Amino acid sequence: HVQLVESGGGLVQAGGSLRLSCAVSGGAFSRYTMGWFRQAPGKERDFLAAINWSDRFTYYADSVKGRFTISRDNAQNSVYLQMNSLKPEDTAVYYCAARLLTSVAARHPGEYAYWGQGTQVTVSS
């Protein structure tokens, strides 16, 4: 039974930074491609970033490229999302997700098999 648990969300002022963490248990973490998504109220779940199993390849949505950085620590079974220069429009629930296939160019939520429960990020203006 694979479990993903996000943490690190909260309230931050515009221009600030947050680092989200996602701890994975119950599966072969080092084999997973990991992704981050977000969902604002009334909107679809949007892809943000993905990282392959070896930390060699990453893939970002244009909306966050240059501001967000995805990383992972296979020894800690964790993936991270460093978010800088946050904007009010970044306010959403943030989710981590896992897939067994190796391609990082997976933008659709349906391409991921496992999901966390989400963590709220609120950016005030």
N, C-alpha and C. Protein backbone atom coordinates (compact mmCIF):
# COMPACT_ATOMS: atom_id res chain seq x y z
N HIS A 1 0.86 -1.19 0.00
CA HIS A 1 0.00 0.00 0.00
C HIS A 1 0.89 1.23 0.00
N VAL A 2 0.87 1.97 -1.11
CA VAL A 2 1.72 3.14 -1.25
C VAL A 2 1.03 4.35 -0.65
N GLN A 3 1.75 5.07 0.17
CA GLN A 3 1.22 6.29 0.78
C GLN A 3 2.14 7.46 0.50
N LEU A 4 1.54 8.60 0.16
CA LEU A 4 2.26 9.84 -0.06
C LEU A 4 1.70 10.88 0.91
N VAL A 5 2.56 11.56 1.62
CA VAL A 5 2.13 12.55 2.59
C VAL A 5 2.89 13.85 2.34
N GLU A 6 2.15 14.89 1.96
CA GLU A 6 2.74 16.21 1.73
C GLU A 6 2.80 17.00 3.04
N SER A 7 3.76 17.91 3.09
CA SER A 7 3.87 18.84 4.20
C SER A 7 4.59 20.09 3.72
N GLY A 8 4.53 21.13 4.56
CA GLY A 8 5.26 22.35 4.23
C GLY A 8 4.42 23.49 3.70
N GLY A 9 3.14 23.25 3.49
CA GLY A 9 2.28 24.32 3.03
C GLY A 9 2.02 25.35 4.13
N GLY A 10 1.38 26.44 3.75
CA GLY A 10 1.07 27.47 4.73
C GLY A 10 0.74 28.78 4.07
N LEU A 11 0.77 29.83 4.89
CA LEU A 11 0.47 31.18 4.43
C LEU A 11 1.79 31.94 4.26
N VAL A 12 1.95 32.59 3.12
CA VAL A 12 3.17 33.34 2.84
C VAL A 12 2.80 34.59 2.07
N GLN A 13 3.58 35.64 2.25
CA GLN A 13 3.34 36.87 1.50
C GLN A 13 3.88 36.74 0.08
N ALA A 14 3.30 37.52 -0.82
CA ALA A 14 3.78 37.54 -2.19
C ALA A 14 5.27 37.89 -2.21
N GLY A 15 6.00 37.18 -3.05
CA GLY A 15 7.44 37.34 -3.13
C GLY A 15 8.21 36.40 -2.23
N GLY A 16 7.51 35.73 -1.33
CA GLY A 16 8.15 34.82 -0.40
C GLY A 16 8.39 33.44 -0.99
N SER A 17 8.87 32.55 -0.13
CA SER A 17 9.23 31.19 -0.55
C SER A 17 8.64 30.16 0.40
N LEU A 18 8.42 28.97 -0.13
CA LEU A 18 8.03 27.81 0.65
C LEU A 18 8.70 26.59 0.06
N ARG A 19 8.95 25.60 0.90
CA ARG A 19 9.48 24.32 0.43
C ARG A 19 8.51 23.23 0.85
N LEU A 20 7.92 22.58 -0.13
CA LEU A 20 7.02 21.47 0.13
C LEU A 20 7.80 20.17 0.13
N SER A 21 7.36 19.27 0.99
CA SER A 21 7.95 17.93 1.05
C SER A 21 6.87 16.89 0.83
N CYS A 22 7.27 15.75 0.31
CA CYS A 22 6.35 14.63 0.12
C CYS A 22 7.10 13.36 0.51
N ALA A 23 6.63 12.72 1.57
CA ALA A 23 7.24 11.47 2.03
C ALA A 23 6.44 10.30 1.49
N VAL A 24 7.15 9.32 0.94
CA VAL A 24 6.52 8.17 0.31
C VAL A 24 6.86 6.90 1.10
N SER A 25 5.86 6.09 1.36
CA SER A 25 6.08 4.82 2.05
C SER A 25 5.29 3.72 1.38
N GLY A 26 5.72 2.50 1.62
CA GLY A 26 4.97 1.35 1.14
C GLY A 26 5.24 0.95 -0.28
N GLY A 27 6.20 1.57 -0.94
CA GLY A 27 6.49 1.22 -2.33
C GLY A 27 7.96 1.38 -2.65
N ALA A 28 8.31 1.13 -3.89
CA ALA A 28 9.70 1.23 -4.33
C ALA A 28 9.96 2.64 -4.82
N PHE A 29 10.18 3.55 -3.87
CA PHE A 29 10.27 4.98 -4.20
C PHE A 29 11.31 5.26 -5.27
N SER A 30 12.45 4.60 -5.17
CA SER A 30 13.54 4.89 -6.11
C SER A 30 13.20 4.51 -7.54
N ARG A 31 12.11 3.80 -7.76
CA ARG A 31 11.68 3.43 -9.11
C ARG A 31 10.65 4.40 -9.68
N TYR A 32 10.11 5.27 -8.84
CA TYR A 32 9.01 6.12 -9.28
C TYR A 32 9.49 7.40 -9.94
N THR A 33 8.80 7.81 -10.99
CA THR A 33 8.83 9.19 -11.42
C THR A 33 7.86 9.95 -10.53
N MET A 34 8.31 11.08 -10.01
CA MET A 34 7.49 11.86 -9.08
C MET A 34 7.07 13.18 -9.71
N GLY A 35 5.87 13.61 -9.37
CA GLY A 35 5.36 14.87 -9.90
C GLY A 35 4.69 15.69 -8.83
N TRP A 36 4.58 16.98 -9.11
CA TRP A 36 3.80 17.91 -8.27
C TRP A 36 2.72 18.55 -9.13
N PHE A 37 1.54 18.67 -8.55
CA PHE A 37 0.39 19.30 -9.17
C PHE A 37 -0.21 20.29 -8.17
N ARG A 38 -1.12 21.13 -8.66
CA ARG A 38 -1.88 21.99 -7.76
C ARG A 38 -3.29 22.15 -8.31
N GLN A 39 -4.19 22.47 -7.39
CA GLN A 39 -5.58 22.67 -7.77
C GLN A 39 -6.16 23.82 -6.96
N ALA A 40 -6.59 24.85 -7.67
CA ALA A 40 -7.26 25.99 -7.05
C ALA A 40 -8.76 25.72 -7.05
N PRO A 41 -9.51 26.37 -6.16
CA PRO A 41 -10.96 26.14 -6.09
C PRO A 41 -11.63 26.39 -7.44
N GLY A 42 -12.45 25.43 -7.86
CA GLY A 42 -13.18 25.57 -9.10
C GLY A 42 -12.38 25.36 -10.36
N LYS A 43 -11.11 24.94 -10.22
CA LYS A 43 -10.26 24.76 -11.38
C LYS A 43 -9.77 23.32 -11.47
N GLU A 44 -9.21 22.98 -12.62
CA GLU A 44 -8.66 21.64 -12.81
C GLU A 44 -7.33 21.51 -12.07
N ARG A 45 -6.93 20.26 -11.90
CA ARG A 45 -5.64 19.99 -11.29
C ARG A 45 -4.55 20.19 -12.35
N ASP A 46 -3.62 21.08 -12.06
CA ASP A 46 -2.60 21.46 -13.03
C ASP A 46 -1.24 20.87 -12.70
N PHE A 47 -0.57 20.44 -13.74
CA PHE A 47 0.80 19.92 -13.60
C PHE A 47 1.76 21.07 -13.31
N LEU A 48 2.74 20.80 -12.44
CA LEU A 48 3.77 21.78 -12.12
C LEU A 48 5.16 21.30 -12.52
N ALA A 49 5.54 20.12 -12.06
CA ALA A 49 6.90 19.65 -12.26
C ALA A 49 6.96 18.15 -12.07
N ALA A 50 7.98 17.53 -12.70
CA ALA A 50 8.22 16.10 -12.52
C ALA A 50 9.71 15.84 -12.51
N ILE A 51 10.09 14.72 -11.88
CA ILE A 51 11.49 14.34 -11.78
C ILE A 51 11.60 12.83 -11.93
N ASN A 52 12.60 12.37 -12.68
CA ASN A 52 12.69 10.94 -12.91
C ASN A 52 13.36 10.25 -11.71
N TRP A 53 13.43 8.92 -11.77
CA TRP A 53 13.86 8.16 -10.61
C TRP A 53 15.29 8.47 -10.19
N SER A 54 16.14 8.82 -11.16
CA SER A 54 17.56 9.00 -10.86
C SER A 54 17.92 10.45 -10.56
N ASP A 55 16.93 11.35 -10.58
CA ASP A 55 17.21 12.77 -10.36
C ASP A 55 17.96 13.39 -11.52
N ARG A 56 18.01 12.71 -12.65
CA ARG A 56 18.77 13.20 -13.78
C ARG A 56 17.94 14.10 -14.69
N PHE A 57 16.63 13.84 -14.75
CA PHE A 57 15.76 14.58 -15.66
C PHE A 57 14.63 15.23 -14.89
N THR A 58 14.35 16.49 -15.23
CA THR A 58 13.22 17.21 -14.67
C THR A 58 12.42 17.85 -15.80
N TYR A 59 11.18 18.20 -15.47
CA TYR A 59 10.27 18.74 -16.48
C TYR A 59 9.33 19.69 -15.75
N TYR A 60 9.15 20.91 -16.30
CA TYR A 60 8.37 21.93 -15.62
C TYR A 60 7.29 22.50 -16.52
N ALA A 61 6.20 22.90 -15.89
CA ALA A 61 5.21 23.70 -16.58
C ALA A 61 5.78 25.10 -16.81
N ASP A 62 5.41 25.72 -17.91
CA ASP A 62 5.92 27.06 -18.22
C ASP A 62 5.58 28.06 -17.12
N SER A 63 4.45 27.86 -16.48
CA SER A 63 3.97 28.82 -15.48
C SER A 63 4.87 28.90 -14.25
N VAL A 64 5.68 27.87 -14.01
CA VAL A 64 6.52 27.86 -12.81
C VAL A 64 8.00 27.73 -13.12
N LYS A 65 8.34 27.58 -14.38
CA LYS A 65 9.74 27.41 -14.75
C LYS A 65 10.54 28.64 -14.32
N GLY A 66 11.65 28.40 -13.64
CA GLY A 66 12.48 29.48 -13.14
C GLY A 66 12.13 29.93 -11.74
N ARG A 67 10.94 29.58 -11.25
CA ARG A 67 10.54 29.93 -9.88
C ARG A 67 10.49 28.73 -8.97
N PHE A 68 10.07 27.58 -9.50
CA PHE A 68 9.94 26.35 -8.71
C PHE A 68 11.03 25.37 -9.11
N THR A 69 11.49 24.60 -8.13
CA THR A 69 12.50 23.57 -8.38
C THR A 69 12.09 22.28 -7.70
N ILE A 70 12.05 21.21 -8.48
CA ILE A 70 11.73 19.89 -7.93
C ILE A 70 13.04 19.14 -7.67
N SER A 71 13.07 18.40 -6.58
CA SER A 71 14.24 17.58 -6.26
C SER A 71 13.77 16.36 -5.49
N ARG A 72 14.66 15.40 -5.30
CA ARG A 72 14.29 14.20 -4.57
C ARG A 72 15.50 13.68 -3.81
N ASP A 73 15.21 12.90 -2.78
CA ASP A 73 16.24 12.22 -2.00
C ASP A 73 15.79 10.78 -1.85
N ASN A 74 16.37 9.89 -2.64
CA ASN A 74 15.92 8.50 -2.63
C ASN A 74 16.26 7.81 -1.30
N ALA A 75 17.28 8.29 -0.61
CA ALA A 75 17.61 7.71 0.68
C ALA A 75 16.55 8.03 1.73
N GLN A 76 15.87 9.16 1.55
CA GLN A 76 14.82 9.60 2.48
C GLN A 76 13.42 9.31 1.95
N ASN A 77 13.32 8.68 0.77
CA ASN A 77 12.01 8.40 0.15
C ASN A 77 11.16 9.66 0.07
N SER A 78 11.78 10.75 -0.35
CA SER A 78 11.08 12.02 -0.35
C SER A 78 11.34 12.81 -1.63
N VAL A 79 10.36 13.61 -1.98
CA VAL A 79 10.47 14.55 -3.09
C VAL A 79 10.10 15.93 -2.56
N TYR A 80 10.70 16.95 -3.15
CA TYR A 80 10.54 18.31 -2.65
C TYR A 80 10.15 19.26 -3.78
N LEU A 81 9.52 20.35 -3.40
CA LEU A 81 9.23 21.42 -4.35
C LEU A 81 9.60 22.73 -3.68
N GLN A 82 10.69 23.33 -4.12
CA GLN A 82 11.09 24.64 -3.64
C GLN A 82 10.38 25.68 -4.48
N MET A 83 9.64 26.56 -3.82
CA MET A 83 8.84 27.57 -4.52
C MET A 83 9.32 28.95 -4.11
N ASN A 84 9.80 29.71 -5.06
CA ASN A 84 10.29 31.06 -4.82
C ASN A 84 9.44 32.08 -5.57
N SER A 85 9.59 33.33 -5.18
CA SER A 85 8.87 34.44 -5.83
C SER A 85 7.39 34.11 -5.96
N LEU A 86 6.79 33.70 -4.88
CA LEU A 86 5.40 33.28 -4.92
C LEU A 86 4.47 34.45 -5.19
N LYS A 87 3.39 34.12 -5.90
CA LYS A 87 2.39 35.10 -6.31
C LYS A 87 1.04 34.69 -5.76
N PRO A 88 0.12 35.64 -5.61
CA PRO A 88 -1.23 35.28 -5.13
C PRO A 88 -1.88 34.19 -6.00
N GLU A 89 -1.60 34.19 -7.28
CA GLU A 89 -2.20 33.18 -8.17
C GLU A 89 -1.60 31.79 -7.97
N ASP A 90 -0.58 31.66 -7.14
CA ASP A 90 -0.05 30.34 -6.78
C ASP A 90 -0.86 29.69 -5.66
N THR A 91 -1.83 30.41 -5.11
CA THR A 91 -2.67 29.87 -4.06
C THR A 91 -3.46 28.68 -4.57
N ALA A 92 -3.32 27.54 -3.87
CA ALA A 92 -3.96 26.30 -4.30
C ALA A 92 -3.64 25.21 -3.28
N VAL A 93 -4.27 24.06 -3.47
CA VAL A 93 -3.85 22.86 -2.77
C VAL A 93 -2.80 22.17 -3.66
N TYR A 94 -1.68 21.82 -3.06
CA TYR A 94 -0.57 21.22 -3.79
C TYR A 94 -0.50 19.73 -3.48
N TYR A 95 -0.35 18.93 -4.55
CA TYR A 95 -0.34 17.47 -4.43
C TYR A 95 0.96 16.90 -5.02
N CYS A 96 1.49 15.88 -4.37
CA CYS A 96 2.54 15.10 -5.01
C CYS A 96 1.91 13.81 -5.55
N ALA A 97 2.57 13.24 -6.55
CA ALA A 97 2.05 12.06 -7.22
C ALA A 97 3.21 11.20 -7.71
N ALA A 98 2.93 9.92 -7.90
CA ALA A 98 3.97 8.97 -8.31
C ALA A 98 3.49 8.12 -9.47
N ARG A 99 4.44 7.78 -10.36
CA ARG A 99 4.13 6.87 -11.47
C ARG A 99 5.31 5.94 -11.67
N LEU A 100 5.04 4.74 -12.16
CA LEU A 100 6.10 3.76 -12.36
C LEU A 100 6.79 3.92 -13.70
N LEU A 101 6.10 4.51 -14.67
CA LEU A 101 6.73 4.68 -15.97
C LEU A 101 7.81 5.74 -15.89
N THR A 102 8.82 5.63 -16.74
CA THR A 102 10.04 6.42 -16.55
C THR A 102 9.99 7.82 -17.14
N SER A 103 9.09 8.09 -18.07
CA SER A 103 9.09 9.40 -18.71
C SER A 103 8.68 10.49 -17.72
N VAL A 104 9.41 11.60 -17.72
CA VAL A 104 9.03 12.72 -16.87
C VAL A 104 8.04 13.65 -17.56
N ALA A 105 7.86 13.46 -18.87
CA ALA A 105 6.97 14.33 -19.62
C ALA A 105 5.53 13.86 -19.48
N ALA A 106 5.09 13.74 -18.26
CA ALA A 106 3.75 13.26 -17.96
C ALA A 106 3.01 14.39 -17.25
N ARG A 107 2.14 15.08 -17.99
CA ARG A 107 1.47 16.26 -17.48
C ARG A 107 0.05 16.00 -17.01
N HIS A 108 -0.52 14.88 -17.41
CA HIS A 108 -1.92 14.65 -17.10
C HIS A 108 -2.05 13.87 -15.79
N PRO A 109 -2.96 14.29 -14.92
CA PRO A 109 -3.12 13.57 -13.64
C PRO A 109 -3.37 12.08 -13.81
N GLY A 110 -4.04 11.70 -14.88
CA GLY A 110 -4.33 10.28 -15.12
C GLY A 110 -3.11 9.43 -15.38
N GLU A 111 -1.97 10.07 -15.62
CA GLU A 111 -0.72 9.34 -15.86
C GLU A 111 -0.02 8.96 -14.56
N TYR A 112 -0.55 9.37 -13.44
CA TYR A 112 0.04 9.08 -12.14
C TYR A 112 -0.85 8.13 -11.36
N ALA A 113 -0.21 7.14 -10.72
CA ALA A 113 -0.99 6.09 -10.06
C ALA A 113 -1.28 6.39 -8.60
N TYR A 114 -0.39 7.13 -7.95
CA TYR A 114 -0.50 7.34 -6.51
C TYR A 114 -0.48 8.83 -6.20
N TRP A 115 -1.29 9.22 -5.19
CA TRP A 115 -1.46 10.63 -4.85
C TRP A 115 -1.43 10.83 -3.35
N GLY A 116 -0.93 12.00 -2.95
CA GLY A 116 -1.06 12.42 -1.57
C GLY A 116 -2.38 13.11 -1.34
N GLN A 117 -2.58 13.53 -0.09
CA GLN A 117 -3.85 14.16 0.29
C GLN A 117 -3.85 15.66 0.03
N GLY A 118 -2.68 16.22 -0.23
CA GLY A 118 -2.59 17.64 -0.55
C GLY A 118 -2.21 18.50 0.64
N THR A 119 -1.59 19.63 0.34
CA THR A 119 -1.25 20.62 1.37
C THR A 119 -1.59 22.00 0.83
N GLN A 120 -2.22 22.82 1.66
CA GLN A 120 -2.70 24.13 1.23
C GLN A 120 -1.56 25.15 1.22
N VAL A 121 -1.46 25.88 0.13
CA VAL A 121 -0.55 27.02 0.02
C VAL A 121 -1.39 28.25 -0.27
N THR A 122 -1.22 29.26 0.57
CA THR A 122 -1.95 30.52 0.40
C THR A 122 -0.94 31.65 0.33
N VAL A 123 -1.01 32.43 -0.75
CA VAL A 123 -0.09 33.54 -0.95
C VAL A 123 -0.90 34.83 -0.87
N SER A 124 -0.57 35.65 0.10
CA SER A 124 -1.29 36.90 0.28
C SER A 124 -0.61 38.04 -0.49
N SER A 125 -1.42 38.98 -0.92
CA SER A 125 -0.87 40.11 -1.69
C SER A 125 -0.45 41.25 -0.80
